[in-house]
Amino acid sequence: TQFTMETEDTDDLEYDPIKDCSPIESKSKKKTVENIYFADFESDPNTSPHTAYMIGYRKLDSIESEVIVGLDCAKKFLNKLPDKSTVYFHNLGFDIQFIIPHASRILSITSEGSNCWQATILFFKKVLKFRCSYKLIMSGIKDFPKMFGLKSYKDVMPYTYYSVDHFNQKGRRTLVYDKISNAIKHLKSKEDEEQFIKNIQDNEFMQHPNDPTMFKPYAYASFYCSKDVDILHDGWKKFRQLVNQIAGVDITNFLTPASIAQEYMIKNGVYEGCLQLANNPREFIQKCCYGGRVMTRENKKWHVTKRLQDYDAVSLYPSAMRRMKGYLKGKPKIIPDHKLNMKFLNEQDGYFVKIKINKVGIHRPFPLICIRQDNIKQYTND
């Protein structure tokens, strides 16, 4: 993003060495999360915003998933959850929209734009926590069977076929049977149509007892919604087992792979002698950090009709860490004015300084120099 966090622009580096410097501690001391659930909403995409008509859910280590159908499915689901439950959705940024309207109060939420990592709400007297499993396992559910050695199935859903029109004013389902041809109109390929019909034929409970051209739409949707939840449950459980086996870390205490890696390094002494910083030293050093950027040459629009090759580098953090000699240890020391010269700085293991650039000299199509103006990052040659 071009925007940067708003911080106070100060050159005051004085700090309290006790309050502003603390050891980097493990989070493994946290109590393991209990009452873990996995869930997935199905919704009508023809309304704006979407309207949820179904939720599939499963408690960790339970035998099978359960499904709630109806326009009040979100509220019924929240009523079923015990106090202090943690629920994983694989796209919490989307699914949280069906939860928030029923919250008595939002206690906390970690989000940015359409992304949501975690949200905690008060539902009457219950405290309920919701997490995004995609932020932890960054692959689609359809990839889980291959990733974790799970049983797969061919899921074909005519999403735009399902509608709030199938429910009455009380939110109860009114449609029991419908023609298969009505649902097929909402599929995109002949292959999907054939698979859809095969799915119905392979499951007797979806079929009309007397008419092979009819099916039970919500029996079909319930079955495949529960299958998605089962794969999420089994994949998450396998991932938890693997991470614990490899790193000795319980993923229930973490939201992202980066936080798991951080915990692994703490447990293995990587940060021994290093300190967490707060207030002035942290604010000053944070200004030396710049995130990634996306731009075209000269920051112009280009109309390209030829084939493009995407050279997208991956694992930049691990590759940079591999080349590092280590992390800076101890408390930060303020550099006195008479030592602000390159001879002294080059003799140090590391330093953070504010510099003034008088002239760039080289015009680059992709500028390397970034300045902050009004909390906006600008890469410039000027």
Protein backbone atom coordinates (compact mmCIF):
# COMPACT_ATOMS: atom_id res chain seq x y z
CA THR A 1 0.00 0.00 0.00
CA GLN A 2 1.10 3.57 -0.59
CA PHE A 3 -0.09 4.55 2.86
CA THR A 4 2.02 4.31 5.98
CA MET A 5 1.16 4.15 9.66
CA GLU A 6 0.76 7.53 11.28
CA THR A 7 3.55 8.00 13.81
CA GLU A 8 4.70 11.06 15.66
CA ASP A 9 7.60 12.68 13.81
CA THR A 10 10.10 13.15 16.60
CA ASP A 11 13.86 12.95 16.92
CA ASP A 12 13.66 12.53 20.68
CA LEU A 13 15.50 9.25 21.30
CA GLU A 14 15.50 9.26 25.09
CA TYR A 15 13.82 6.23 26.64
CA ASP A 16 13.29 4.24 29.82
CA PRO A 17 15.66 1.23 29.61
CA ILE A 18 13.39 -0.81 31.90
CA LYS A 19 9.92 0.00 30.55
CA ASP A 20 10.90 0.33 26.88
CA CYS A 21 13.12 -2.77 26.60
CA SER A 22 11.78 -6.23 27.45
CA PRO A 23 12.77 -9.85 26.70
CA ILE A 24 11.22 -11.57 23.68
CA GLU A 25 9.12 -14.28 25.29
CA SER A 26 7.44 -17.44 24.04
CA LYS A 27 3.67 -17.58 23.55
CA SER A 28 3.61 -21.33 24.17
CA LYS A 29 2.82 -20.60 27.81
CA LYS A 30 -0.70 -19.73 26.70
CA LYS A 31 -3.44 -22.20 27.54
CA THR A 32 -4.41 -24.43 24.64
CA VAL A 33 -7.67 -23.27 23.04
CA GLU A 34 -10.71 -25.41 23.80
CA ASN A 35 -14.12 -25.67 22.10
CA ILE A 36 -12.71 -25.39 18.57
CA TYR A 37 -15.19 -25.41 15.67
CA PHE A 38 -14.94 -25.21 11.87
CA ALA A 39 -17.70 -23.64 9.80
CA ASP A 40 -18.73 -22.44 6.36
CA PHE A 41 -21.67 -20.32 5.23
CA GLU A 42 -23.54 -20.73 1.96
CA SER A 43 -25.21 -17.53 0.74
CA ASP A 44 -27.30 -16.03 -2.01
CA PRO A 45 -24.90 -14.04 -4.22
CA ASN A 46 -27.79 -12.35 -6.02
CA THR A 47 -28.47 -10.06 -3.05
CA SER A 48 -26.28 -7.18 -1.92
CA PRO A 49 -24.87 -7.85 0.55
CA HIS A 50 -25.06 -11.63 0.31
CA THR A 51 -27.73 -13.36 2.39
CA ALA A 52 -26.72 -16.50 4.30
CA TYR A 53 -29.18 -19.38 3.98
CA MET A 54 -27.06 -22.23 5.35
CA ILE A 55 -24.13 -22.96 7.64
CA GLY A 56 -22.22 -26.19 8.04
CA TYR A 57 -20.15 -26.66 11.17
CA ARG A 58 -18.18 -29.30 13.04
CA LYS A 59 -16.53 -29.40 16.45
CA LEU A 60 -12.92 -30.56 16.57
CA ASP A 61 -12.72 -34.36 16.80
CA SER A 62 -16.52 -34.81 16.53
CA ILE A 63 -17.78 -37.63 14.31
CA GLU A 64 -19.46 -35.55 11.59
CA SER A 65 -20.59 -32.10 10.50
CA GLU A 66 -23.98 -30.59 11.15
CA VAL A 67 -25.94 -28.20 8.92
CA ILE A 68 -28.45 -25.46 9.75
CA VAL A 69 -30.72 -24.27 6.91
CA GLY A 70 -32.71 -21.05 7.01
CA LEU A 71 -32.26 -17.30 6.79
CA ASP A 72 -31.72 -17.29 10.57
CA CYS A 73 -28.93 -19.90 10.35
CA ALA A 74 -26.24 -17.53 11.69
CA LYS A 75 -28.18 -16.71 14.86
CA LYS A 76 -29.09 -20.36 15.46
CA PHE A 77 -25.43 -21.29 15.05
CA LEU A 78 -24.31 -18.69 17.60
CA ASN A 79 -26.94 -19.98 20.02
CA LYS A 80 -25.53 -23.51 19.72
CA LEU A 81 -21.93 -22.50 20.45
CA PRO A 82 -20.75 -22.89 24.05
CA ASP A 83 -19.10 -19.97 25.84
CA LYS A 84 -15.43 -19.32 24.94
CA SER A 85 -15.65 -21.14 21.61
CA THR A 86 -13.19 -20.51 18.77
CA VAL A 87 -14.57 -20.92 15.23
CA TYR A 88 -12.41 -21.19 12.11
CA PHE A 89 -13.76 -19.99 8.76
CA HIS A 90 -11.57 -20.32 5.67
CA ASN A 91 -12.45 -16.80 4.52
CA LEU A 92 -13.32 -14.90 7.66
CA GLY A 93 -13.23 -11.58 5.80
CA PHE A 94 -16.35 -12.79 3.94
CA ASP A 95 -18.10 -14.90 6.58
CA ILE A 96 -17.80 -12.37 9.41
CA GLN A 97 -20.47 -10.23 7.70
CA PHE A 98 -23.07 -12.81 8.75
CA ILE A 99 -21.85 -12.89 12.38
CA ILE A 100 -21.40 -9.21 13.25
CA PRO A 101 -25.11 -8.20 12.95
CA HIS A 102 -25.94 -10.63 15.77
CA ALA A 103 -23.17 -9.54 18.14
CA SER A 104 -24.20 -7.88 21.39
CA ARG A 105 -20.84 -6.15 21.25
CA ILE A 106 -17.62 -6.40 19.21
CA LEU A 107 -14.84 -6.90 21.75
CA SER A 108 -11.94 -6.86 19.26
CA ILE A 109 -11.27 -7.31 15.57
CA THR A 110 -8.04 -7.67 13.59
CA SER A 111 -8.75 -6.66 10.01
CA GLU A 112 -7.51 -4.63 7.06
CA GLY A 113 -9.72 -3.91 4.06
CA SER A 114 -11.51 -7.12 3.11
CA ASN A 115 -9.08 -9.23 5.15
CA CYS A 116 -9.94 -10.34 8.66
CA TRP A 117 -7.60 -12.40 10.82
CA GLN A 118 -9.61 -12.62 14.02
CA ALA A 119 -12.71 -11.20 15.68
CA THR A 120 -14.04 -11.60 19.21
CA ILE A 121 -17.66 -10.79 20.02
CA LEU A 122 -20.00 -10.87 22.97
CA PHE A 123 -23.17 -12.81 22.10
CA PHE A 124 -25.50 -12.23 25.03
CA LYS A 125 -23.31 -13.54 27.90
CA LYS A 126 -21.01 -15.69 25.73
CA VAL A 127 -17.57 -14.64 24.48
CA LEU A 128 -17.01 -16.11 21.01
CA LYS A 129 -13.85 -15.91 18.92
CA PHE A 130 -13.64 -16.28 15.12
CA ARG A 131 -10.44 -16.90 13.17
CA CYS A 132 -9.43 -17.16 9.52
CA SER A 133 -7.85 -20.53 8.72
CA TYR A 134 -6.74 -19.21 5.31
CA LYS A 135 -4.36 -16.79 7.04
CA LEU A 136 -2.83 -19.85 8.69
CA ILE A 137 -2.97 -22.31 5.76
CA MET A 138 -2.79 -20.13 2.66
CA SER A 139 -4.35 -22.49 0.10
CA GLY A 140 -7.91 -23.06 -1.03
CA ILE A 141 -9.88 -25.89 0.58
CA LYS A 142 -9.89 -27.67 -2.79
CA ASP A 143 -6.09 -28.05 -2.40
CA PHE A 144 -6.30 -29.65 1.06
CA PRO A 145 -6.84 -33.26 -0.09
CA LYS A 146 -3.60 -33.25 -2.09
CA MET A 147 -1.68 -31.25 0.55
CA PHE A 148 -2.69 -33.37 3.52
CA GLY A 149 -3.51 -36.75 1.94
CA LEU A 150 -7.27 -36.47 2.47
CA LYS A 151 -10.12 -38.10 0.59
CA SER A 152 -11.28 -35.77 -2.18
CA TYR A 153 -14.58 -35.34 -3.98
CA LYS A 154 -15.81 -33.42 -7.00
CA ASP A 155 -17.74 -30.45 -5.66
CA VAL A 156 -19.97 -28.73 -8.22
CA MET A 157 -22.26 -26.05 -6.83
CA PRO A 158 -24.63 -23.87 -8.91
CA TYR A 159 -24.15 -20.98 -6.46
CA THR A 160 -26.37 -18.44 -8.24
CA TYR A 161 -29.25 -20.95 -8.37
CA TYR A 162 -29.76 -20.80 -4.61
CA SER A 163 -31.89 -17.83 -3.65
CA VAL A 164 -33.70 -16.15 -0.77
CA ASP A 165 -36.81 -16.65 -2.92
CA HIS A 166 -36.75 -20.28 -1.78
CA PHE A 167 -37.62 -19.14 1.77
CA ASN A 168 -40.74 -17.59 3.31
CA GLN A 169 -40.97 -14.41 5.38
CA LYS A 170 -40.06 -16.34 8.54
CA GLY A 171 -36.86 -17.52 6.87
CA ARG A 172 -38.04 -21.11 6.51
CA ARG A 173 -37.30 -23.10 3.37
CA THR A 174 -40.29 -23.56 1.04
CA LEU A 175 -38.58 -25.33 -1.89
CA VAL A 176 -38.29 -29.10 -1.43
CA TYR A 177 -37.97 -30.44 -4.99
CA ASP A 178 -37.03 -28.74 -8.22
CA LYS A 179 -36.09 -29.66 -11.75
CA ILE A 180 -32.40 -30.49 -12.24
CA SER A 181 -32.50 -28.44 -15.44
CA ASN A 182 -33.25 -25.27 -13.44
CA ALA A 183 -30.05 -25.68 -11.46
CA ILE A 184 -27.92 -26.71 -14.45
CA LYS A 185 -28.58 -23.32 -16.08
CA HIS A 186 -26.32 -21.82 -13.42
CA LEU A 187 -23.29 -24.00 -14.20
CA LYS A 188 -20.51 -22.80 -16.47
CA SER A 189 -19.42 -25.91 -18.41
CA LYS A 190 -20.68 -29.18 -19.85
CA GLU A 191 -18.23 -31.00 -17.58
CA ASP A 192 -19.77 -29.34 -14.51
CA GLU A 193 -23.27 -30.26 -15.71
CA GLU A 194 -22.31 -33.92 -16.08
CA GLN A 195 -20.61 -33.98 -12.67
CA PHE A 196 -23.62 -32.29 -11.06
CA ILE A 197 -26.01 -34.95 -12.41
CA LYS A 198 -23.59 -37.72 -11.38
CA ASN A 199 -23.41 -36.32 -7.83
CA ILE A 200 -27.19 -36.51 -7.56
CA GLN A 201 -27.34 -40.01 -9.03
CA ASP A 202 -24.65 -41.22 -6.61
CA ASN A 203 -26.62 -40.02 -3.56
CA GLU A 204 -30.14 -41.40 -3.27
CA PHE A 205 -31.20 -38.94 -0.54
CA MET A 206 -30.86 -36.09 -3.07
CA GLN A 207 -33.21 -37.71 -5.59
CA HIS A 208 -36.97 -37.52 -6.13
CA PRO A 209 -38.46 -40.98 -5.40
CA ASN A 210 -40.50 -41.05 -8.62
CA ASP A 211 -39.12 -38.44 -11.05
CA PRO A 212 -35.45 -38.69 -12.17
CA THR A 213 -35.59 -35.15 -13.59
CA MET A 214 -36.17 -33.71 -10.09
CA PHE A 215 -33.83 -33.35 -7.08
CA LYS A 216 -33.68 -31.96 -3.54
CA PRO A 217 -31.70 -28.71 -3.90
CA TYR A 218 -31.06 -28.19 -0.20
CA ALA A 219 -30.15 -31.82 0.46
CA TYR A 220 -27.54 -31.36 -2.27
CA ALA A 221 -26.26 -28.05 -0.85
CA SER A 222 -26.18 -29.43 2.71
CA PHE A 223 -24.16 -32.45 1.67
CA TYR A 224 -21.48 -30.47 -0.12
CA CYS A 225 -21.38 -27.72 2.49
CA SER A 226 -20.69 -30.35 5.15
CA LYS A 227 -18.00 -31.92 2.94
CA ASP A 228 -16.17 -28.58 2.75
CA VAL A 229 -16.33 -28.29 6.53
CA ASP A 230 -15.03 -31.85 6.94
CA ILE A 231 -12.06 -31.13 4.68
CA LEU A 232 -11.33 -27.89 6.57
CA HIS A 233 -11.52 -29.81 9.88
CA ASP A 234 -9.30 -32.66 8.70
CA GLY A 235 -6.79 -30.39 6.94
CA TRP A 236 -6.44 -28.05 9.93
CA LYS A 237 -6.04 -31.03 12.26
CA LYS A 238 -3.31 -32.52 10.05
CA PHE A 239 -1.54 -29.16 9.79
CA ARG A 240 -1.63 -28.81 13.57
CA GLN A 241 -0.12 -32.27 13.95
CA LEU A 242 2.66 -31.56 11.43
CA VAL A 243 3.62 -28.19 12.93
CA ASN A 244 3.69 -29.68 16.43
CA GLN A 245 5.79 -32.58 15.18
CA ILE A 246 8.28 -30.39 13.29
CA ALA A 247 8.43 -27.27 15.44
CA GLY A 248 6.89 -28.24 18.77
CA VAL A 249 4.37 -25.40 18.41
CA ASP A 250 0.59 -25.52 18.90
CA ILE A 251 -1.04 -23.51 16.10
CA THR A 252 -4.05 -22.64 18.27
CA ASN A 253 -1.95 -19.83 19.80
CA PHE A 254 -1.14 -18.24 16.42
CA LEU A 255 -2.89 -16.60 13.48
CA THR A 256 -0.26 -16.75 10.70
CA PRO A 257 2.71 -18.84 9.51
CA ALA A 258 4.97 -15.86 10.30
CA SER A 259 3.89 -15.89 13.97
CA ILE A 260 4.52 -19.67 14.10
CA ALA A 261 8.01 -19.16 12.65
CA GLN A 262 8.64 -16.39 15.19
CA GLU A 263 7.66 -18.74 18.03
CA TYR A 264 9.92 -21.47 16.64
CA MET A 265 12.89 -19.10 16.58
CA ILE A 266 12.18 -17.89 20.13
CA LYS A 267 12.02 -21.45 21.42
CA ASN A 268 15.34 -22.28 19.73
CA GLY A 269 17.24 -19.34 21.19
CA VAL A 270 17.54 -17.27 18.02
CA TYR A 271 16.67 -14.07 19.92
CA GLU A 272 18.79 -14.78 22.98
CA GLY A 273 20.09 -11.42 24.17
CA CYS A 274 17.68 -9.49 21.91
CA LEU A 275 14.99 -7.19 23.28
CA GLN A 276 11.54 -5.94 22.33
CA LEU A 277 11.45 -2.17 22.03
CA ALA A 278 8.68 0.31 22.81
CA ASN A 279 7.99 4.05 22.61
CA ASN A 280 10.77 6.32 21.23
CA PRO A 281 13.32 3.70 20.10
CA ARG A 282 10.63 1.58 18.47
CA GLU A 283 9.01 4.56 16.75
CA PHE A 284 12.35 5.74 15.36
CA ILE A 285 13.47 2.31 14.13
CA GLN A 286 10.01 1.58 12.65
CA LYS A 287 10.51 4.52 10.28
CA CYS A 288 13.39 2.59 8.72
CA CYS A 289 10.99 -0.18 7.65
CA TYR A 290 9.36 -0.05 4.22
CA GLY A 291 6.94 -2.63 2.86
CA GLY A 292 6.69 -3.87 -0.70
CA ARG A 293 5.33 -1.80 -3.56
CA VAL A 294 3.59 -2.46 -6.85
CA MET A 295 4.23 -0.19 -9.81
CA THR A 296 4.87 -0.16 -13.53
CA ARG A 297 7.88 1.44 -15.23
CA GLU A 298 7.81 5.21 -14.62
CA ASN A 299 4.54 4.56 -12.78
CA LYS A 300 2.64 4.89 -16.07
CA LYS A 301 -0.18 2.91 -17.67
CA TRP A 302 0.98 0.50 -20.37
CA HIS A 303 -1.11 -1.35 -22.95
CA VAL A 304 0.79 -4.57 -23.67
CA THR A 305 -0.51 -7.15 -26.16
CA LYS A 306 2.51 -9.48 -26.08
CA ARG A 307 3.02 -12.36 -23.67
CA LEU A 308 4.32 -11.35 -20.25
CA GLN A 309 6.57 -13.30 -17.93
CA ASP A 310 5.86 -12.91 -14.23
CA TYR A 311 9.07 -12.90 -12.20
CA ASP A 312 7.61 -12.91 -8.73
CA ALA A 313 10.20 -13.63 -6.06
CA VAL A 314 9.11 -15.76 -3.11
CA SER A 315 10.54 -16.55 0.32
CA LEU A 316 12.25 -13.17 0.53
CA TYR A 317 12.28 -13.13 4.33
CA PRO A 318 13.90 -16.58 4.72
CA SER A 319 16.46 -15.85 1.99
CA ALA A 320 17.38 -12.53 3.63
CA MET A 321 17.62 -14.16 7.06
CA ARG A 322 19.91 -16.85 5.60
CA ARG A 323 22.40 -14.15 4.58
CA MET A 324 22.24 -12.27 7.88
CA LYS A 325 25.02 -12.73 10.43
CA GLY A 326 22.51 -12.47 13.26
CA TYR A 327 20.24 -10.06 15.12
CA LEU A 328 21.26 -6.99 17.08
CA LYS A 329 21.57 -7.67 20.80
CA GLY A 330 21.18 -5.53 23.88
CA LYS A 331 19.67 -2.11 24.47
CA PRO A 332 19.94 0.57 21.76
CA LYS A 333 22.57 3.24 22.32
CA ILE A 334 22.02 6.81 21.19
CA ILE A 335 24.82 7.91 18.84
CA PRO A 336 26.40 11.20 19.97
CA ASP A 337 26.70 13.94 17.34
CA HIS A 338 30.51 13.75 17.14
CA LYS A 339 30.30 10.09 16.07
CA LEU A 340 27.80 10.63 13.25
CA ASN A 341 30.29 9.75 10.51
CA MET A 342 30.77 6.76 8.22
CA LYS A 343 34.03 5.69 9.83
CA PHE A 344 32.30 5.11 13.16
CA LEU A 345 29.09 3.67 11.65
CA ASN A 346 30.97 1.11 9.54
CA GLU A 347 32.60 -0.24 12.69
CA GLN A 348 29.21 -1.09 14.24
CA ASP A 349 27.20 -4.33 13.90
CA GLY A 350 24.16 -2.26 12.95
CA TYR A 351 22.68 1.21 13.17
CA PHE A 352 19.52 3.19 12.44
CA VAL A 353 19.95 6.79 11.37
CA LYS A 354 17.94 9.56 9.77
CA ILE A 355 19.66 11.01 6.71
CA LYS A 356 19.08 13.94 4.41
CA ILE A 357 19.55 13.35 0.66
CA ASN A 358 20.68 16.49 -1.13
CA LYS A 359 20.72 15.05 -4.65
CA VAL A 360 19.77 11.72 -6.23
CA GLY A 361 21.84 12.03 -9.38
CA ILE A 362 20.45 8.97 -11.20
CA HIS A 363 16.99 8.83 -12.74
CA ARG A 364 15.62 5.30 -12.34
CA PRO A 365 12.44 3.91 -13.98
CA PHE A 366 11.77 2.23 -10.63
CA PRO A 367 12.99 4.71 -7.98
CA LEU A 368 14.67 3.24 -4.91
CA ILE A 369 14.38 6.24 -2.61
CA CYS A 370 11.21 6.55 -0.56
CA ILE A 371 10.04 9.60 1.33
CA ARG A 372 7.03 9.97 3.60
CA GLN A 373 4.72 12.92 3.08
CA ASP A 374 1.38 13.24 4.89
CA ASN A 375 1.56 9.53 5.78
CA ILE A 376 1.92 8.55 2.13
CA LYS A 377 5.00 6.69 0.85
CA GLN A 378 6.40 8.18 -2.35
CA TYR A 379 9.20 6.59 -4.35
CA THR A 380 10.90 9.37 -6.22
CA ASN A 381 13.95 10.43 -8.25
CA ASP A 382 13.65 14.03 -7.09
